[in-house]
């Protein structure tokens, strides 16, 4: 989907899985556990504080070049949980509100 201000090419929003450390606060908007995805070996959360927007073609190119490593795709249920977390997180930068509205999130 094209995101205003990012050109006409399809874009993707990337967020990271981050391991939960019991002694540190974390964003509880989307907590994931081992078994939710084969990549996960610890209780983790989605780090919404620093989302990144990339053209889809650039993501594909970085994977093709080996700069990034593609893992198994998320299940539809996990992807929906991550998408829902965008609205639940109080750590997502406010500048993303308009983008989320355009995307219907």
N, C-alpha and C. Protein backbone atom coordinates (compact mmCIF):
# COMPACT_ATOMS: atom_id res chain seq x y z
N UNK A 1 0.84 -1.18 0.00
CA UNK A 1 0.00 0.00 0.00
C UNK A 1 0.88 1.24 0.00
N UNK A 2 0.52 2.21 -0.79
CA UNK A 2 1.27 3.47 -0.82
C UNK A 2 0.91 4.30 0.41
N UNK A 3 1.92 4.83 1.06
CA UNK A 3 1.73 5.66 2.24
C UNK A 3 2.12 7.08 1.86
N UNK A 4 1.22 8.03 2.12
CA UNK A 4 1.46 9.41 1.73
C UNK A 4 2.79 9.91 2.28
N UNK A 5 3.54 10.55 1.42
CA UNK A 5 4.84 11.08 1.81
C UNK A 5 5.98 10.10 1.61
N UNK A 6 5.65 8.88 1.20
CA UNK A 6 6.67 7.86 1.01
C UNK A 6 6.73 7.35 -0.42
N UNK A 7 6.06 8.03 -1.33
CA UNK A 7 6.10 7.61 -2.72
C UNK A 7 4.95 6.69 -3.07
N UNK A 8 4.83 6.39 -4.36
CA UNK A 8 3.71 5.59 -4.86
C UNK A 8 3.94 4.09 -4.74
N UNK A 9 5.19 3.68 -4.55
CA UNK A 9 5.49 2.25 -4.46
C UNK A 9 4.93 1.66 -3.16
N UNK A 10 4.58 0.38 -3.16
CA UNK A 10 4.09 -0.26 -1.93
C UNK A 10 5.14 -0.15 -0.81
N UNK A 11 4.65 0.11 0.39
CA UNK A 11 5.50 0.28 1.57
C UNK A 11 5.16 -0.79 2.61
N UNK A 12 6.11 -1.04 3.49
CA UNK A 12 5.86 -1.92 4.64
C UNK A 12 6.33 -1.20 5.90
N UNK A 13 5.65 -1.49 7.00
CA UNK A 13 6.06 -0.96 8.31
C UNK A 13 6.70 -2.12 9.06
N UNK A 14 7.93 -1.92 9.51
CA UNK A 14 8.66 -2.94 10.25
C UNK A 14 8.74 -2.59 11.72
N UNK A 15 8.48 -3.56 12.57
CA UNK A 15 8.69 -3.45 14.01
C UNK A 15 9.48 -4.69 14.45
N UNK A 16 10.07 -4.62 15.61
CA UNK A 16 10.95 -5.69 16.07
C UNK A 16 10.35 -6.49 17.21
N UNK A 17 10.71 -7.78 17.25
CA UNK A 17 10.49 -8.58 18.45
C UNK A 17 11.63 -8.26 19.41
N UNK A 18 11.33 -8.05 20.67
CA UNK A 18 12.34 -7.75 21.68
C UNK A 18 12.10 -8.63 22.89
N UNK A 19 13.15 -9.28 23.39
CA UNK A 19 13.00 -10.16 24.55
C UNK A 19 12.60 -9.38 25.79
N UNK A 20 11.70 -9.95 26.56
CA UNK A 20 11.30 -9.35 27.83
C UNK A 20 12.38 -9.64 28.86
N UNK A 21 12.81 -8.60 29.53
CA UNK A 21 13.76 -8.74 30.64
C UNK A 21 12.98 -8.39 31.90
N UNK A 22 12.83 -9.33 32.81
CA UNK A 22 11.95 -9.12 33.98
C UNK A 22 12.26 -7.85 34.77
N UNK A 23 13.51 -7.42 34.77
CA UNK A 23 13.89 -6.26 35.56
C UNK A 23 13.62 -4.93 34.84
N UNK A 24 13.20 -4.98 33.57
CA UNK A 24 12.99 -3.76 32.80
C UNK A 24 11.53 -3.63 32.36
N UNK A 25 11.01 -2.40 32.34
CA UNK A 25 9.65 -2.21 31.83
C UNK A 25 9.60 -2.50 30.33
N UNK A 26 8.44 -2.89 29.85
CA UNK A 26 8.27 -3.17 28.42
C UNK A 26 6.85 -2.81 28.00
N UNK A 27 6.66 -2.69 26.71
CA UNK A 27 5.37 -2.36 26.12
C UNK A 27 4.51 -3.62 26.09
N UNK A 28 3.42 -3.63 26.82
CA UNK A 28 2.57 -4.82 26.91
C UNK A 28 1.49 -4.86 25.82
N UNK A 29 1.55 -3.97 24.85
CA UNK A 29 0.53 -3.92 23.79
C UNK A 29 0.48 -5.21 22.97
N UNK A 30 1.63 -5.87 22.83
CA UNK A 30 1.68 -7.12 22.06
C UNK A 30 2.79 -8.00 22.60
N UNK A 31 2.43 -8.85 23.55
CA UNK A 31 3.37 -9.80 24.13
C UNK A 31 3.25 -11.10 23.35
N UNK A 32 4.39 -11.67 22.99
CA UNK A 32 4.43 -12.92 22.24
C UNK A 32 5.30 -13.92 22.98
N UNK A 33 5.00 -15.18 22.78
CA UNK A 33 5.68 -16.23 23.54
C UNK A 33 6.27 -17.27 22.59
N UNK A 34 7.26 -18.03 23.07
CA UNK A 34 7.75 -19.14 22.25
C UNK A 34 6.55 -20.01 21.84
N UNK A 35 6.54 -20.40 20.61
CA UNK A 35 5.40 -21.16 20.08
C UNK A 35 4.49 -20.29 19.23
N UNK A 36 4.51 -18.96 19.48
CA UNK A 36 3.72 -18.05 18.64
C UNK A 36 4.36 -17.93 17.26
N UNK A 37 5.69 -18.13 17.21
CA UNK A 37 6.45 -18.11 15.96
C UNK A 37 7.73 -18.90 16.19
N UNK A 38 8.19 -19.69 15.21
CA UNK A 38 9.39 -20.50 15.40
C UNK A 38 10.64 -19.70 15.76
N UNK A 39 10.71 -18.44 15.39
CA UNK A 39 11.86 -17.59 15.68
C UNK A 39 11.99 -17.28 17.17
N UNK A 40 10.87 -17.30 17.88
CA UNK A 40 10.85 -16.88 19.29
C UNK A 40 11.31 -17.99 20.21
N UNK A 41 12.29 -17.68 21.06
CA UNK A 41 12.75 -18.64 22.06
C UNK A 41 12.54 -18.12 23.48
N UNK A 42 12.14 -16.86 23.61
CA UNK A 42 11.87 -16.25 24.91
C UNK A 42 10.57 -15.45 24.84
N UNK A 43 9.98 -15.20 26.01
CA UNK A 43 8.86 -14.27 26.05
C UNK A 43 9.37 -12.94 25.51
N UNK A 44 8.60 -12.34 24.61
CA UNK A 44 9.03 -11.13 23.92
C UNK A 44 7.85 -10.18 23.77
N UNK A 45 8.16 -9.00 23.25
CA UNK A 45 7.13 -8.02 22.95
C UNK A 45 7.50 -7.32 21.65
N UNK A 46 6.51 -6.65 21.08
CA UNK A 46 6.78 -5.88 19.87
C UNK A 46 7.22 -4.49 20.29
N UNK A 47 8.33 -4.05 19.73
CA UNK A 47 8.91 -2.75 20.04
C UNK A 47 8.34 -1.71 19.08
N UNK A 48 7.24 -1.08 19.52
CA UNK A 48 6.54 -0.12 18.67
C UNK A 48 7.17 1.28 18.71
N UNK A 49 8.10 1.52 19.60
CA UNK A 49 8.66 2.85 19.77
C UNK A 49 9.40 3.35 18.51
N UNK A 50 10.01 2.44 17.77
CA UNK A 50 10.80 2.84 16.59
C UNK A 50 10.37 2.01 15.37
N UNK A 51 9.15 2.23 14.87
CA UNK A 51 8.78 1.53 13.63
C UNK A 51 9.54 2.13 12.47
N UNK A 52 9.74 1.34 11.43
CA UNK A 52 10.45 1.81 10.25
C UNK A 52 9.59 1.53 9.02
N UNK A 53 9.60 2.46 8.10
CA UNK A 53 8.85 2.29 6.85
C UNK A 53 9.86 2.15 5.72
N UNK A 54 9.70 1.08 4.95
CA UNK A 54 10.57 0.81 3.81
C UNK A 54 9.73 0.48 2.59
N UNK A 55 10.21 0.83 1.41
CA UNK A 55 9.55 0.33 0.20
C UNK A 55 9.65 -1.21 0.20
N UNK A 56 8.57 -1.86 -0.17
CA UNK A 56 8.56 -3.33 -0.19
C UNK A 56 9.70 -3.88 -1.05
N UNK A 57 9.98 -3.22 -2.16
CA UNK A 57 11.05 -3.68 -3.06
C UNK A 57 12.42 -3.63 -2.36
N UNK A 58 12.63 -2.64 -1.51
CA UNK A 58 13.90 -2.54 -0.79
C UNK A 58 14.04 -3.68 0.22
N UNK A 59 12.96 -4.03 0.88
CA UNK A 59 12.99 -5.16 1.82
C UNK A 59 13.37 -6.43 1.05
N UNK A 60 12.70 -6.65 -0.07
CA UNK A 60 13.00 -7.83 -0.88
C UNK A 60 14.45 -7.85 -1.34
N UNK A 61 14.97 -6.70 -1.74
CA UNK A 61 16.35 -6.60 -2.20
C UNK A 61 17.34 -6.89 -1.08
N UNK A 62 17.09 -6.36 0.12
CA UNK A 62 18.00 -6.60 1.25
C UNK A 62 18.02 -8.07 1.63
N UNK A 63 16.88 -8.74 1.52
CA UNK A 63 16.84 -10.18 1.79
C UNK A 63 17.61 -10.92 0.70
N UNK A 64 17.38 -10.55 -0.55
CA UNK A 64 18.06 -11.20 -1.68
C UNK A 64 19.58 -11.06 -1.56
N UNK A 65 20.06 -9.90 -1.11
CA UNK A 65 21.49 -9.65 -0.97
C UNK A 65 22.09 -10.26 0.30
N UNK A 66 21.24 -10.77 1.18
CA UNK A 66 21.72 -11.35 2.43
C UNK A 66 21.98 -10.34 3.53
N UNK A 67 21.58 -9.10 3.31
CA UNK A 67 21.74 -8.07 4.34
C UNK A 67 20.78 -8.38 5.49
N UNK A 68 19.57 -8.77 5.15
CA UNK A 68 18.57 -9.21 6.13
C UNK A 68 18.28 -10.68 5.89
N UNK A 69 17.89 -11.38 6.93
CA UNK A 69 17.56 -12.79 6.83
C UNK A 69 16.06 -12.96 7.00
N UNK A 70 15.43 -13.57 6.02
CA UNK A 70 14.00 -13.82 6.10
C UNK A 70 13.77 -15.07 6.94
N UNK A 71 12.82 -14.99 7.84
CA UNK A 71 12.40 -16.15 8.64
C UNK A 71 11.01 -16.55 8.17
N UNK A 72 10.48 -17.57 8.77
CA UNK A 72 9.14 -18.02 8.42
C UNK A 72 8.14 -16.88 8.62
N UNK A 73 7.19 -16.77 7.72
CA UNK A 73 6.16 -15.73 7.83
C UNK A 73 5.34 -15.92 9.10
N UNK A 74 4.83 -14.82 9.62
CA UNK A 74 3.94 -14.88 10.78
C UNK A 74 2.61 -15.53 10.36
N UNK A 75 1.99 -16.20 11.29
CA UNK A 75 0.65 -16.71 11.04
C UNK A 75 -0.29 -15.52 10.92
N UNK A 76 -1.45 -15.75 10.33
CA UNK A 76 -2.44 -14.67 10.20
C UNK A 76 -2.84 -14.16 11.58
N UNK A 77 -2.96 -15.07 12.55
CA UNK A 77 -3.35 -14.66 13.90
C UNK A 77 -2.28 -13.79 14.56
N UNK A 78 -1.01 -14.17 14.40
CA UNK A 78 0.07 -13.37 14.99
C UNK A 78 0.17 -12.02 14.30
N UNK A 79 0.05 -11.99 12.99
CA UNK A 79 0.10 -10.73 12.27
C UNK A 79 -1.03 -9.80 12.72
N UNK A 80 -2.22 -10.35 12.92
CA UNK A 80 -3.34 -9.53 13.39
C UNK A 80 -3.08 -9.02 14.80
N UNK A 81 -2.48 -9.83 15.66
CA UNK A 81 -2.15 -9.41 17.02
C UNK A 81 -1.15 -8.25 16.99
N UNK A 82 -0.15 -8.34 16.11
CA UNK A 82 0.83 -7.26 15.95
C UNK A 82 0.14 -6.01 15.42
N UNK A 83 -0.72 -6.16 14.44
CA UNK A 83 -1.45 -5.01 13.88
C UNK A 83 -2.31 -4.35 14.94
N UNK A 84 -3.00 -5.15 15.76
CA UNK A 84 -3.84 -4.59 16.82
C UNK A 84 -3.00 -3.81 17.83
N UNK A 85 -1.79 -4.28 18.08
CA UNK A 85 -0.91 -3.63 19.04
C UNK A 85 -0.52 -2.22 18.65
N UNK A 86 -0.53 -1.91 17.35
CA UNK A 86 -0.22 -0.54 16.93
C UNK A 86 -1.15 0.45 17.61
N UNK A 87 -2.42 0.11 17.74
CA UNK A 87 -3.38 1.02 18.37
C UNK A 87 -3.36 0.92 19.90
N UNK A 88 -2.90 -0.19 20.42
CA UNK A 88 -2.88 -0.36 21.88
C UNK A 88 -1.64 0.24 22.52
N UNK A 89 -0.56 0.34 21.78
CA UNK A 89 0.70 0.81 22.33
C UNK A 89 0.66 2.30 22.62
N UNK A 90 1.16 2.67 23.79
CA UNK A 90 1.29 4.10 24.10
C UNK A 90 2.70 4.58 23.76
N UNK A 91 3.49 3.73 23.14
CA UNK A 91 4.87 4.08 22.79
C UNK A 91 5.07 4.35 21.30
N UNK A 92 4.05 4.10 20.50
CA UNK A 92 4.15 4.37 19.07
C UNK A 92 4.19 5.88 18.86
N UNK A 93 5.14 6.39 18.07
CA UNK A 93 5.18 7.83 17.81
C UNK A 93 3.86 8.33 17.23
N UNK A 94 3.40 9.48 17.68
CA UNK A 94 2.11 10.03 17.23
C UNK A 94 2.06 10.27 15.73
N UNK A 95 3.20 10.47 15.12
CA UNK A 95 3.22 10.72 13.68
C UNK A 95 2.66 9.54 12.90
N UNK A 96 2.51 8.40 13.53
CA UNK A 96 1.99 7.21 12.85
C UNK A 96 0.47 7.13 12.87
N UNK A 97 -0.18 7.99 13.63
CA UNK A 97 -1.65 7.95 13.69
C UNK A 97 -2.28 8.08 12.31
N UNK A 98 -1.83 9.04 11.53
CA UNK A 98 -2.39 9.25 10.20
C UNK A 98 -2.10 8.04 9.30
N UNK A 99 -0.91 7.49 9.39
CA UNK A 99 -0.56 6.32 8.60
C UNK A 99 -1.47 5.15 8.97
N UNK A 100 -1.69 4.95 10.26
CA UNK A 100 -2.56 3.85 10.69
C UNK A 100 -3.98 4.05 10.20
N UNK A 101 -4.45 5.30 10.20
CA UNK A 101 -5.79 5.56 9.68
C UNK A 101 -5.88 5.21 8.20
N UNK A 102 -4.87 5.58 7.42
CA UNK A 102 -4.86 5.26 5.99
C UNK A 102 -4.86 3.75 5.78
N UNK A 103 -4.11 3.04 6.61
CA UNK A 103 -4.01 1.59 6.48
C UNK A 103 -5.21 0.86 7.07
N UNK A 104 -6.08 1.58 7.75
CA UNK A 104 -7.25 0.95 8.36
C UNK A 104 -6.93 0.17 9.61
N UNK A 105 -5.87 0.57 10.30
CA UNK A 105 -5.49 -0.11 11.54
C UNK A 105 -6.02 0.64 12.75
